[in-house]
Amino acid sequence: MTNVSRSEQLLFLTDEQLRQGIELMFFAYRGFTADPDRILEKYGYGRAHHRAVHFINRDPGLTVNELLAILGVTKQSLNRVLRQLVDDGLVESRVGASDRRQRNLYLTVAGNALERELSAAQRVRMKQAFSDAGPEAVVGFRKVLEQMISPELRGQVLGPMESVRQ
C-alpha cells in the first residue's frame, strides 16, 4: 500500500464525509449566530442589521453602494435595514464630501456599543473554538473558508484582511 499524506486523503472525501461537513457547517453557523441573535432580538433586529453594523464598523464612511456590493442584497432590503438603524440612532448617514449624491455611513456611539456587544459574543465563541482546536486547525480552517468564497469575490474579501494581518 502506498503512503498517502493526510492532505491527499482529504482530496478523496466520500459523499458521507461531505454531507457531515455540510451539517457541521450548518450547526457551527447556528451556534456562531445564536448569541448575537439573542442580543438583536432585544432591539427587534435581525441578522441583516448585524451584517450592516459589522461592515459599517469595519469601514467607517463606506457608501451605501459599497455596502450593497459587500452584502449582495437588494437596495430595497438594505434601505429598510438602514432606515431602521438611522431612525434608532445607531447609524449616521452623511452627504459625501466629494460627491453630494453619495451617502457615507458611520456608526454612532450607540451603534459602536451594539457592534462591540455583538462581536464580543462571537469572539468569545471563536476564540474558545480556535484554542481548543489548536494552531494548525486554525490555519486549515482559514484556508477552507477562503476557498469557499466565490473566486470572483475572493480578492475583494481577502485584500482588506491581508492589509490588516500585516
C-alpha atoms as a PDB file:
ATOM      1  CA  MET A   1       0.000   0.000   0.000  1.00  0.00           C
ATOM      2  CA  THR A   2       1.237   3.488  -0.892  1.00  0.00           C
ATOM      3  CA  ASN A   3       1.989   6.047   1.797  1.00  0.00           C
ATOM      4  CA  VAL A   4      -0.739   8.677   1.320  1.00  0.00           C
ATOM      5  CA  SER A   5      -0.388  12.045   3.035  1.00  0.00           C
ATOM      6  CA  ARG A   6      -3.228  13.499   5.095  1.00  0.00           C
ATOM      7  CA  SER A   7      -3.842  16.263   2.525  1.00  0.00           C
ATOM      8  CA  GLU A   8      -4.046  13.677  -0.265  1.00  0.00           C
ATOM      9  CA  GLN A   9      -6.594  11.711   1.777  1.00  0.00           C
ATOM     10  CA  LEU A  10      -8.742  14.831   2.050  1.00  0.00           C
ATOM     11  CA  LEU A  11      -8.902  15.079  -1.725  1.00  0.00           C
ATOM     12  CA  PHE A  12     -10.882  11.825  -1.755  1.00  0.00           C
ATOM     13  CA  LEU A  13     -13.696  12.660   0.643  1.00  0.00           C
ATOM     14  CA  THR A  14     -16.724  10.421   0.413  1.00  0.00           C
ATOM     15  CA  ASP A  15     -20.227  11.769  -0.113  1.00  0.00           C
ATOM     16  CA  GLU A  16     -20.977  10.890   3.507  1.00  0.00           C
ATOM     17  CA  GLN A  17     -17.958  12.848   4.763  1.00  0.00           C
ATOM     18  CA  LEU A  18     -19.020  15.843   2.657  1.00  0.00           C
ATOM     19  CA  ARG A  19     -22.596  15.573   3.978  1.00  0.00           C
ATOM     20  CA  GLN A  20     -21.231  15.561   7.513  1.00  0.00           C
ATOM     21  CA  GLY A  21     -19.109  18.632   6.709  1.00  0.00           C
ATOM     22  CA  ILE A  22     -22.195  20.431   5.414  1.00  0.00           C
ATOM     23  CA  GLU A  23     -24.104  19.541   8.577  1.00  0.00           C
ATOM     24  CA  LEU A  24     -21.216  20.642  10.788  1.00  0.00           C
ATOM     25  CA  MET A  25     -21.118  23.967   8.930  1.00  0.00           C
ATOM     26  CA  PHE A  26     -24.852  24.393   9.480  1.00  0.00           C
ATOM     27  CA  PHE A  27     -24.661  23.708  13.217  1.00  0.00           C
ATOM     28  CA  ALA A  28     -21.480  25.764  13.632  1.00  0.00           C
ATOM     29  CA  TYR A  29     -23.190  28.722  11.955  1.00  0.00           C
ATOM     30  CA  ARG A  30     -26.231  28.242  14.143  1.00  0.00           C
ATOM     31  CA  GLY A  31     -24.007  28.333  17.222  1.00  0.00           C
ATOM     32  CA  PHE A  32     -21.986  31.267  15.900  1.00  0.00           C
ATOM     33  CA  THR A  33     -25.118  33.360  15.349  1.00  0.00           C
ATOM     34  CA  ALA A  34     -27.053  32.262  18.452  1.00  0.00           C
ATOM     35  CA  ASP A  35     -25.548  34.770  20.896  1.00  0.00           C
ATOM     36  CA  PRO A  36     -25.853  37.781  18.558  1.00  0.00           C
ATOM     37  CA  ASP A  37     -29.391  36.698  17.614  1.00  0.00           C
ATOM     38  CA  ARG A  38     -30.430  36.911  21.274  1.00  0.00           C
ATOM     39  CA  ILE A  39     -28.919  40.398  21.549  1.00  0.00           C
ATOM     40  CA  LEU A  40     -30.511  41.550  18.273  1.00  0.00           C
ATOM     41  CA  GLU A  41     -33.910  40.241  19.353  1.00  0.00           C
ATOM     42  CA  LYS A  42     -33.940  42.726  22.252  1.00  0.00           C
ATOM     43  CA  TYR A  43     -33.839  45.533  19.674  1.00  0.00           C
ATOM     44  CA  GLY A  44     -36.209  43.938  17.187  1.00  0.00           C
ATOM     45  CA  TYR A  45     -33.340  43.469  14.724  1.00  0.00           C
ATOM     46  CA  GLY A  46     -32.229  40.547  12.610  1.00  0.00           C
ATOM     47  CA  ARG A  47     -29.027  39.291  11.048  1.00  0.00           C
ATOM     48  CA  ALA A  48     -29.227  41.843   8.222  1.00  0.00           C
ATOM     49  CA  HIS A  49     -28.887  44.586  10.842  1.00  0.00           C
ATOM     50  CA  HIS A  50     -25.911  42.771  12.342  1.00  0.00           C
ATOM     51  CA  ARG A  51     -24.167  42.480   8.980  1.00  0.00           C
ATOM     52  CA  ALA A  52     -24.745  46.163   8.206  1.00  0.00           C
ATOM     53  CA  VAL A  53     -23.417  47.260  11.611  1.00  0.00           C
ATOM     54  CA  HIS A  54     -20.411  44.942  11.268  1.00  0.00           C
ATOM     55  CA  PHE A  55     -19.316  46.274   7.877  1.00  0.00           C
ATOM     56  CA  ILE A  56     -20.010  49.926   8.702  1.00  0.00           C
ATOM     57  CA  ASN A  57     -17.829  49.470  11.782  1.00  0.00           C
ATOM     58  CA  ARG A  58     -15.095  47.802   9.724  1.00  0.00           C
ATOM     59  CA  ASP A  59     -15.009  50.647   7.192  1.00  0.00           C
ATOM     60  CA  PRO A  60     -16.464  53.883   8.615  1.00  0.00           C
ATOM     61  CA  GLY A  61     -17.635  56.186   5.847  1.00  0.00           C
ATOM     62  CA  LEU A  62     -18.331  53.475   3.320  1.00  0.00           C
ATOM     63  CA  THR A  63     -21.074  54.354   0.892  1.00  0.00           C
ATOM     64  CA  VAL A  64     -24.469  52.752   0.606  1.00  0.00           C
ATOM     65  CA  ASN A  65     -23.432  51.340  -2.789  1.00  0.00           C
ATOM     66  CA  GLU A  66     -20.267  49.822  -1.301  1.00  0.00           C
ATOM     67  CA  LEU A  67     -22.331  48.224   1.451  1.00  0.00           C
ATOM     68  CA  LEU A  68     -24.777  46.895  -1.154  1.00  0.00           C
ATOM     69  CA  ALA A  69     -21.886  45.285  -3.029  1.00  0.00           C
ATOM     70  CA  ILE A  70     -20.445  43.714   0.136  1.00  0.00           C
ATOM     71  CA  LEU A  71     -23.747  42.317   1.362  1.00  0.00           C
ATOM     72  CA  GLY A  72     -25.074  41.277  -2.035  1.00  0.00           C
ATOM     73  CA  VAL A  73     -28.644  42.260  -1.156  1.00  0.00           C
ATOM     74  CA  THR A  74     -31.246  44.357  -2.925  1.00  0.00           C
ATOM     75  CA  LYS A  75     -31.308  48.104  -2.470  1.00  0.00           C
ATOM     76  CA  GLN A  76     -34.852  47.816  -1.110  1.00  0.00           C
ATOM     77  CA  SER A  77     -33.898  45.371   1.659  1.00  0.00           C
ATOM     78  CA  LEU A  78     -30.800  47.356   2.625  1.00  0.00           C
ATOM     79  CA  ASN A  79     -32.766  50.623   2.692  1.00  0.00           C
ATOM     80  CA  ARG A  80     -35.271  49.090   5.118  1.00  0.00           C
ATOM     81  CA  VAL A  81     -32.447  47.974   7.444  1.00  0.00           C
ATOM     82  CA  LEU A  82     -30.528  51.255   7.190  1.00  0.00           C
ATOM     83  CA  ARG A  83     -33.648  53.333   7.730  1.00  0.00           C
ATOM     84  CA  GLN A  84     -34.328  51.474  10.969  1.00  0.00           C
ATOM     85  CA  LEU A  85     -30.713  51.790  12.145  1.00  0.00           C
ATOM     86  CA  VAL A  86     -30.683  55.516  11.342  1.00  0.00           C
ATOM     87  CA  ASP A  87     -34.093  56.111  12.956  1.00  0.00           C
ATOM     88  CA  ASP A  88     -32.928  54.288  16.080  1.00  0.00           C
ATOM     89  CA  GLY A  89     -29.770  56.407  16.304  1.00  0.00           C
ATOM     90  CA  LEU A  90     -27.253  53.639  15.594  1.00  0.00           C
ATOM     91  CA  VAL A  91     -26.090  54.722  12.137  1.00  0.00           C
ATOM     92  CA  GLU A  92     -25.477  58.180  10.755  1.00  0.00           C
ATOM     93  CA  SER A  93     -25.761  58.852   7.019  1.00  0.00           C
ATOM     94  CA  ARG A  94     -23.722  61.831   5.819  1.00  0.00           C
ATOM     95  CA  VAL A  95     -23.587  63.508   2.424  1.00  0.00           C
ATOM     96  CA  GLY A  96     -20.387  62.576   0.572  1.00  0.00           C
ATOM     97  CA  ALA A  97     -17.617  65.183   0.648  1.00  0.00           C
ATOM     98  CA  SER A  98     -16.572  64.719  -2.991  1.00  0.00           C
ATOM     99  CA  ASP A  99     -19.932  63.577  -4.392  1.00  0.00           C
ATOM    100  CA  ARG A 100     -23.019  65.010  -2.752  1.00  0.00           C
ATOM    101  CA  ARG A 101     -25.151  62.194  -4.221  1.00  0.00           C
ATOM    102  CA  GLN A 102     -23.284  59.654  -2.105  1.00  0.00           C
ATOM    103  CA  ARG A 103     -24.277  58.741   1.414  1.00  0.00           C
ATOM    104  CA  ASN A 104     -21.437  57.769   3.729  1.00  0.00           C
ATOM    105  CA  LEU A 105     -22.326  55.569   6.668  1.00  0.00           C
ATOM    106  CA  TYR A 106     -20.944  55.815  10.200  1.00  0.00           C
ATOM    107  CA  LEU A 107     -21.847  54.146  13.465  1.00  0.00           C
ATOM    108  CA  THR A 108     -22.917  56.468  16.251  1.00  0.00           C
ATOM    109  CA  VAL A 109     -21.749  55.969  19.834  1.00  0.00           C
ATOM    110  CA  ALA A 110     -24.786  53.728  20.397  1.00  0.00           C
ATOM    111  CA  GLY A 111     -24.065  51.855  17.154  1.00  0.00           C
ATOM    112  CA  ASN A 112     -20.471  51.253  18.223  1.00  0.00           C
ATOM    113  CA  ALA A 113     -21.690  49.921  21.564  1.00  0.00           C
ATOM    114  CA  LEU A 114     -24.069  47.494  19.852  1.00  0.00           C
ATOM    115  CA  GLU A 115     -21.354  46.341  17.452  1.00  0.00           C
ATOM    116  CA  ARG A 116     -18.955  45.705  20.341  1.00  0.00           C
ATOM    117  CA  GLU A 117     -21.608  43.700  22.192  1.00  0.00           C
ATOM    118  CA  LEU A 118     -22.402  41.591  19.121  1.00  0.00           C
ATOM    119  CA  SER A 119     -18.810  40.940  18.104  1.00  0.00           C
ATOM    120  CA  ALA A 120     -17.698  40.235  21.695  1.00  0.00           C
ATOM    121  CA  ALA A 121     -20.140  37.333  21.866  1.00  0.00           C
ATOM    122  CA  GLN A 122     -18.797  35.906  18.628  1.00  0.00           C
ATOM    123  CA  ARG A 123     -15.145  36.489  19.540  1.00  0.00           C
ATOM    124  CA  VAL A 124     -15.607  34.536  22.775  1.00  0.00           C
ATOM    125  CA  ARG A 125     -17.035  31.545  20.894  1.00  0.00           C
ATOM    126  CA  MET A 126     -14.449  31.723  18.109  1.00  0.00           C
ATOM    127  CA  LYS A 127     -11.519  32.193  20.483  1.00  0.00           C
ATOM    128  CA  GLN A 128     -12.589  29.139  22.510  1.00  0.00           C
ATOM    129  CA  ALA A 129     -13.026  27.018  19.387  1.00  0.00           C
ATOM    130  CA  PHE A 130      -9.639  28.083  17.993  1.00  0.00           C
ATOM    131  CA  SER A 131      -7.965  27.499  21.344  1.00  0.00           C
ATOM    132  CA  ASP A 132      -9.473  24.021  21.653  1.00  0.00           C
ATOM    133  CA  ALA A 133      -8.661  23.084  18.035  1.00  0.00           C
ATOM    134  CA  GLY A 134      -5.048  24.278  18.035  1.00  0.00           C
ATOM    135  CA  PRO A 135      -2.939  26.450  15.733  1.00  0.00           C
ATOM    136  CA  GLU A 136      -2.756  24.014  12.799  1.00  0.00           C
ATOM    137  CA  ALA A 137      -6.532  23.699  12.768  1.00  0.00           C
ATOM    138  CA  VAL A 138      -6.891  27.495  12.775  1.00  0.00           C
ATOM    139  CA  VAL A 139      -4.691  27.805   9.681  1.00  0.00           C
ATOM    140  CA  GLY A 140      -6.518  24.942   7.965  1.00  0.00           C
ATOM    141  CA  PHE A 141      -9.938  26.351   8.838  1.00  0.00           C
ATOM    142  CA  ARG A 142      -8.992  29.732   7.390  1.00  0.00           C
ATOM    143  CA  LYS A 143      -7.780  28.086   4.188  1.00  0.00           C
ATOM    144  CA  VAL A 144     -11.037  26.147   3.841  1.00  0.00           C
ATOM    145  CA  LEU A 145     -13.133  29.290   4.406  1.00  0.00           C
ATOM    146  CA  GLU A 146     -11.040  31.256   1.894  1.00  0.00           C
ATOM    147  CA  GLN A 147     -11.557  28.540  -0.718  1.00  0.00           C
ATOM    148  CA  MET A 148     -15.317  28.525  -0.116  1.00  0.00           C
ATOM    149  CA  ILE A 149     -15.550  32.200  -1.127  1.00  0.00           C
ATOM    150  CA  SER A 150     -16.579  32.602  -4.773  1.00  0.00           C
ATOM    151  CA  PRO A 151     -13.405  33.068  -6.839  1.00  0.00           C
ATOM    152  CA  GLU A 152     -14.683  36.366  -8.267  1.00  0.00           C
ATOM    153  CA  LEU A 153     -15.122  37.761  -4.723  1.00  0.00           C
ATOM    154  CA  ARG A 154     -12.019  36.258  -3.129  1.00  0.00           C
ATOM    155  CA  GLY A 155      -9.669  39.176  -3.886  1.00  0.00           C
ATOM    156  CA  GLN A 156     -12.230  41.754  -2.784  1.00  0.00           C
ATOM    157  CA  VAL A 157     -12.811  39.937   0.514  1.00  0.00           C
ATOM    158  CA  LEU A 158      -9.271  38.847   1.312  1.00  0.00           C
ATOM    159  CA  GLY A 159      -7.488  42.015   0.165  1.00  0.00           C
ATOM    160  CA  PRO A 160      -8.615  44.189   3.093  1.00  0.00           C
ATOM    161  CA  MET A 161      -7.937  41.309   5.505  1.00  0.00           C
ATOM    162  CA  GLU A 162      -4.363  40.919   4.259  1.00  0.00           C
ATOM    163  CA  SER A 163      -3.565  44.582   4.919  1.00  0.00           C
ATOM    164  CA  VAL A 164      -4.859  44.205   8.496  1.00  0.00           C
ATOM    165  CA  ARG A 165      -2.871  40.999   9.142  1.00  0.00           C
ATOM    166  CA  GLN A 166       0.441  42.577   8.098  1.00  0.00           C
END
